[in-house]
N, C-alpha and C. Protein backbone atom coordinates (compact mmCIF):
# COMPACT_ATOMS: atom_id res chain seq x y z
N UNK A 1 81.94 111.55 151.62
CA UNK A 1 82.92 111.04 150.69
C UNK A 1 82.83 109.51 150.68
N UNK A 2 82.85 108.89 149.50
CA UNK A 2 82.77 107.45 149.34
C UNK A 2 84.13 106.81 149.54
N UNK A 3 84.15 105.57 150.08
CA UNK A 3 85.44 104.89 150.26
C UNK A 3 86.00 104.45 148.92
N UNK A 4 87.28 104.27 148.87
CA UNK A 4 87.96 103.84 147.66
C UNK A 4 87.69 102.36 147.39
N UNK A 5 87.49 102.01 146.14
CA UNK A 5 87.24 100.61 145.74
C UNK A 5 88.49 99.94 145.19
N UNK A 6 89.63 100.53 145.34
CA UNK A 6 90.86 100.02 144.75
C UNK A 6 91.21 98.63 145.26
N UNK A 7 91.05 98.35 146.54
CA UNK A 7 91.41 97.06 147.09
C UNK A 7 90.31 96.02 146.99
N UNK A 8 89.07 96.42 146.68
CA UNK A 8 87.94 95.50 146.69
C UNK A 8 87.65 94.87 145.34
N UNK A 9 88.31 95.29 144.28
CA UNK A 9 88.01 94.77 142.95
C UNK A 9 88.67 93.41 142.75
N UNK A 10 87.96 92.53 142.08
CA UNK A 10 88.47 91.21 141.76
C UNK A 10 88.39 91.00 140.26
N UNK A 11 89.27 90.17 139.77
CA UNK A 11 89.22 89.80 138.37
C UNK A 11 88.10 88.79 138.14
N UNK A 12 87.62 88.73 136.90
CA UNK A 12 86.56 87.80 136.55
C UNK A 12 86.98 86.36 136.81
N UNK A 13 88.21 86.03 136.50
CA UNK A 13 88.70 84.67 136.69
C UNK A 13 88.77 84.31 138.18
N UNK A 14 89.03 85.26 139.04
CA UNK A 14 89.06 85.00 140.48
C UNK A 14 87.66 84.73 141.02
N UNK A 15 86.69 85.45 140.52
CA UNK A 15 85.31 85.29 140.98
C UNK A 15 84.75 83.95 140.54
N UNK A 16 85.00 83.55 139.30
CA UNK A 16 84.42 82.32 138.78
C UNK A 16 85.13 81.07 139.28
N UNK A 17 86.36 81.19 139.74
CA UNK A 17 87.08 80.00 140.17
C UNK A 17 86.85 79.66 141.64
N UNK A 18 86.18 80.51 142.39
CA UNK A 18 85.99 80.28 143.82
C UNK A 18 84.85 79.29 144.10
N UNK A 19 85.13 78.31 144.93
CA UNK A 19 84.13 77.40 145.50
C UNK A 19 83.18 76.81 144.47
N UNK A 20 83.72 76.17 143.49
CA UNK A 20 82.88 75.48 142.51
C UNK A 20 82.69 74.06 143.00
N UNK A 21 81.45 73.70 143.32
CA UNK A 21 81.14 72.35 143.78
C UNK A 21 80.81 71.48 142.58
N UNK A 22 81.64 70.49 142.36
CA UNK A 22 81.41 69.58 141.25
C UNK A 22 80.47 68.48 141.72
N UNK A 23 79.37 68.27 141.02
CA UNK A 23 78.45 67.21 141.43
C UNK A 23 79.00 65.83 141.05
N UNK A 24 78.83 64.90 141.94
CA UNK A 24 79.22 63.52 141.68
C UNK A 24 77.95 62.69 141.64
N UNK A 25 77.54 62.32 140.44
CA UNK A 25 76.31 61.57 140.22
C UNK A 25 76.63 60.18 139.71
N UNK A 26 75.76 59.25 140.05
CA UNK A 26 75.80 57.95 139.40
C UNK A 26 74.39 57.39 139.32
N UNK A 27 74.18 56.51 138.36
CA UNK A 27 72.85 55.96 138.11
C UNK A 27 72.79 54.51 138.55
N UNK A 28 71.62 54.13 139.05
CA UNK A 28 71.36 52.77 139.48
C UNK A 28 70.16 52.27 138.68
N UNK A 29 70.29 51.09 138.09
CA UNK A 29 69.19 50.48 137.34
C UNK A 29 69.12 49.01 137.71
N UNK A 30 67.92 48.50 137.83
CA UNK A 30 67.76 47.10 138.21
C UNK A 30 68.00 46.20 137.01
N UNK A 31 68.38 44.95 137.28
CA UNK A 31 68.60 43.98 136.21
C UNK A 31 67.28 43.61 135.56
N UNK A 32 66.27 43.38 136.38
CA UNK A 32 64.93 43.17 135.84
C UNK A 32 64.26 44.54 135.76
N UNK A 33 63.43 44.74 134.79
CA UNK A 33 62.85 46.06 134.55
C UNK A 33 61.78 46.37 135.59
N UNK A 34 62.23 46.84 136.75
CA UNK A 34 61.32 47.27 137.82
C UNK A 34 61.06 48.76 137.68
N UNK A 35 60.01 49.22 138.31
CA UNK A 35 59.69 50.64 138.25
C UNK A 35 60.67 51.44 139.10
N UNK A 36 60.69 52.73 138.88
CA UNK A 36 61.60 53.61 139.63
C UNK A 36 61.25 53.64 141.11
N UNK A 37 59.97 53.58 141.43
CA UNK A 37 59.54 53.59 142.82
C UNK A 37 60.00 52.32 143.55
N UNK A 38 59.95 51.19 142.86
CA UNK A 38 60.42 49.93 143.45
C UNK A 38 61.92 49.98 143.67
N UNK A 39 62.65 50.51 142.70
CA UNK A 39 64.11 50.64 142.86
C UNK A 39 64.46 51.55 144.02
N UNK A 40 63.75 52.66 144.15
CA UNK A 40 64.01 53.60 145.23
C UNK A 40 63.72 52.99 146.58
N UNK A 41 62.60 52.29 146.70
CA UNK A 41 62.25 51.67 147.99
C UNK A 41 63.23 50.55 148.34
N UNK A 42 63.71 49.81 147.34
CA UNK A 42 64.71 48.77 147.59
C UNK A 42 66.01 49.39 148.08
N UNK A 43 66.44 50.45 147.45
CA UNK A 43 67.67 51.13 147.88
C UNK A 43 67.54 51.68 149.30
N UNK A 44 66.39 52.29 149.59
CA UNK A 44 66.20 52.87 150.92
C UNK A 44 66.12 51.81 152.01
N UNK A 45 65.62 50.63 151.67
CA UNK A 45 65.52 49.59 152.69
C UNK A 45 66.84 48.83 152.88
N UNK A 46 67.66 48.71 151.84
CA UNK A 46 68.88 47.93 151.91
C UNK A 46 70.12 48.74 152.31
N UNK A 47 70.16 50.02 151.94
CA UNK A 47 71.35 50.84 152.12
C UNK A 47 71.12 51.85 153.25
N UNK A 48 72.12 51.98 154.13
CA UNK A 48 72.07 52.97 155.21
C UNK A 48 73.26 53.91 155.05
N UNK A 49 73.07 55.09 154.43
CA UNK A 49 74.21 55.97 154.18
C UNK A 49 74.80 56.58 155.45
N UNK A 50 74.03 56.73 156.51
CA UNK A 50 74.59 57.28 157.74
C UNK A 50 75.55 56.30 158.39
N UNK A 51 75.32 55.02 158.22
CA UNK A 51 76.22 53.99 158.74
C UNK A 51 77.56 54.03 158.01
N UNK A 52 77.53 54.34 156.70
CA UNK A 52 78.75 54.42 155.90
C UNK A 52 79.38 55.81 155.95
N UNK A 53 78.70 56.76 156.60
CA UNK A 53 79.14 58.16 156.68
C UNK A 53 79.24 58.78 155.29
N UNK A 54 78.15 58.61 154.52
CA UNK A 54 78.05 59.17 153.18
C UNK A 54 76.84 60.11 153.17
N UNK A 55 77.04 61.31 152.66
CA UNK A 55 75.95 62.27 152.56
C UNK A 55 75.36 62.26 151.17
N UNK A 56 74.09 61.94 151.06
CA UNK A 56 73.40 61.95 149.78
C UNK A 56 72.73 63.30 149.62
N UNK A 57 73.09 64.02 148.55
CA UNK A 57 72.52 65.35 148.31
C UNK A 57 71.14 65.26 147.66
N UNK A 58 70.99 64.36 146.70
CA UNK A 58 69.69 64.22 146.05
C UNK A 58 69.52 62.81 145.53
N UNK A 59 68.27 62.43 145.37
CA UNK A 59 67.88 61.12 144.87
C UNK A 59 66.73 61.35 143.90
N UNK A 60 66.97 61.15 142.61
CA UNK A 60 65.96 61.42 141.60
C UNK A 60 65.60 60.13 140.88
N UNK A 61 64.34 60.01 140.53
CA UNK A 61 63.89 58.86 139.76
C UNK A 61 63.61 59.31 138.33
N UNK A 62 63.97 58.47 137.38
CA UNK A 62 63.71 58.74 135.98
C UNK A 62 62.59 57.84 135.49
N UNK A 63 62.01 58.21 134.36
CA UNK A 63 60.86 57.46 133.86
C UNK A 63 61.18 56.03 133.44
N UNK A 64 62.41 55.79 133.03
CA UNK A 64 62.75 54.45 132.56
C UNK A 64 63.18 53.51 133.68
N UNK A 65 63.02 53.92 134.94
CA UNK A 65 63.31 53.04 136.06
C UNK A 65 64.65 53.27 136.72
N UNK A 66 65.47 54.14 136.15
CA UNK A 66 66.77 54.42 136.74
C UNK A 66 66.62 55.40 137.90
N UNK A 67 67.58 55.34 138.82
CA UNK A 67 67.63 56.24 139.96
C UNK A 67 68.97 56.96 139.91
N UNK A 68 68.96 58.29 139.96
CA UNK A 68 70.17 59.09 139.95
C UNK A 68 70.46 59.55 141.37
N UNK A 69 71.66 59.25 141.86
CA UNK A 69 72.06 59.61 143.21
C UNK A 69 73.21 60.60 143.12
N UNK A 70 73.09 61.71 143.85
CA UNK A 70 74.15 62.72 143.88
C UNK A 70 74.76 62.76 145.27
N UNK A 71 76.09 62.67 145.32
CA UNK A 71 76.83 62.73 146.58
C UNK A 71 77.87 63.84 146.50
N UNK A 72 78.59 64.09 147.59
CA UNK A 72 79.48 65.23 147.67
C UNK A 72 80.88 65.03 147.12
N UNK A 73 81.39 63.80 147.09
CA UNK A 73 82.77 63.61 146.63
C UNK A 73 82.88 62.29 145.86
N UNK A 74 84.01 62.13 145.20
CA UNK A 74 84.25 60.91 144.43
C UNK A 74 84.42 59.71 145.34
N UNK A 75 85.04 59.90 146.51
CA UNK A 75 85.21 58.80 147.46
C UNK A 75 83.86 58.30 147.96
N UNK A 76 82.95 59.23 148.28
CA UNK A 76 81.61 58.83 148.71
C UNK A 76 80.87 58.10 147.61
N UNK A 77 81.05 58.54 146.38
CA UNK A 77 80.41 57.90 145.24
C UNK A 77 80.90 56.46 145.07
N UNK A 78 82.22 56.27 145.17
CA UNK A 78 82.78 54.92 145.04
C UNK A 78 82.33 54.01 146.17
N UNK A 79 82.31 54.54 147.40
CA UNK A 79 81.91 53.76 148.55
C UNK A 79 80.44 53.35 148.46
N UNK A 80 79.59 54.29 148.10
CA UNK A 80 78.16 54.01 148.00
C UNK A 80 77.85 53.05 146.86
N UNK A 81 78.49 53.23 145.71
CA UNK A 81 78.21 52.33 144.58
C UNK A 81 78.70 50.91 144.86
N UNK A 82 79.83 50.78 145.56
CA UNK A 82 80.31 49.44 145.93
C UNK A 82 79.36 48.77 146.91
N UNK A 83 78.84 49.54 147.85
CA UNK A 83 77.90 48.99 148.82
C UNK A 83 76.57 48.61 148.17
N UNK A 84 76.10 49.42 147.23
CA UNK A 84 74.87 49.09 146.51
C UNK A 84 75.07 47.83 145.68
N UNK A 85 76.20 47.72 145.03
CA UNK A 85 76.48 46.52 144.22
C UNK A 85 76.55 45.27 145.09
N UNK A 86 77.14 45.40 146.29
CA UNK A 86 77.28 44.24 147.17
C UNK A 86 75.94 43.81 147.75
N UNK A 87 75.12 44.76 148.18
CA UNK A 87 73.87 44.41 148.87
C UNK A 87 72.69 44.23 147.92
N UNK A 88 72.67 44.94 146.81
CA UNK A 88 71.52 44.90 145.90
C UNK A 88 71.89 44.35 144.53
N UNK A 89 72.97 43.65 144.42
CA UNK A 89 73.43 43.16 143.12
C UNK A 89 72.52 42.13 142.49
N UNK A 90 71.70 41.47 143.27
CA UNK A 90 70.84 40.43 142.73
C UNK A 90 69.50 40.97 142.23
N UNK A 91 69.22 42.26 142.45
CA UNK A 91 67.92 42.82 142.05
C UNK A 91 67.93 43.27 140.63
């Protein structure tokens, strides 16, 4: 005999609303038109995310020289962008 499924059913809205991770992305572009590889290496040499206790989920380079950084929360995004602006603002 099969067990009853009466207590195990969920509504569609309950299933779709659980644990939705919203990505927090921001873009970094140099003032002078440097390549994406140069921008990435500058960011990696100037910024230390472990020191700021920020977790970077992904780092993507675009063809036009921009770098897209994805972090876990809005606070981490604000902290990292402020630190990048302070340390790499002249590039």
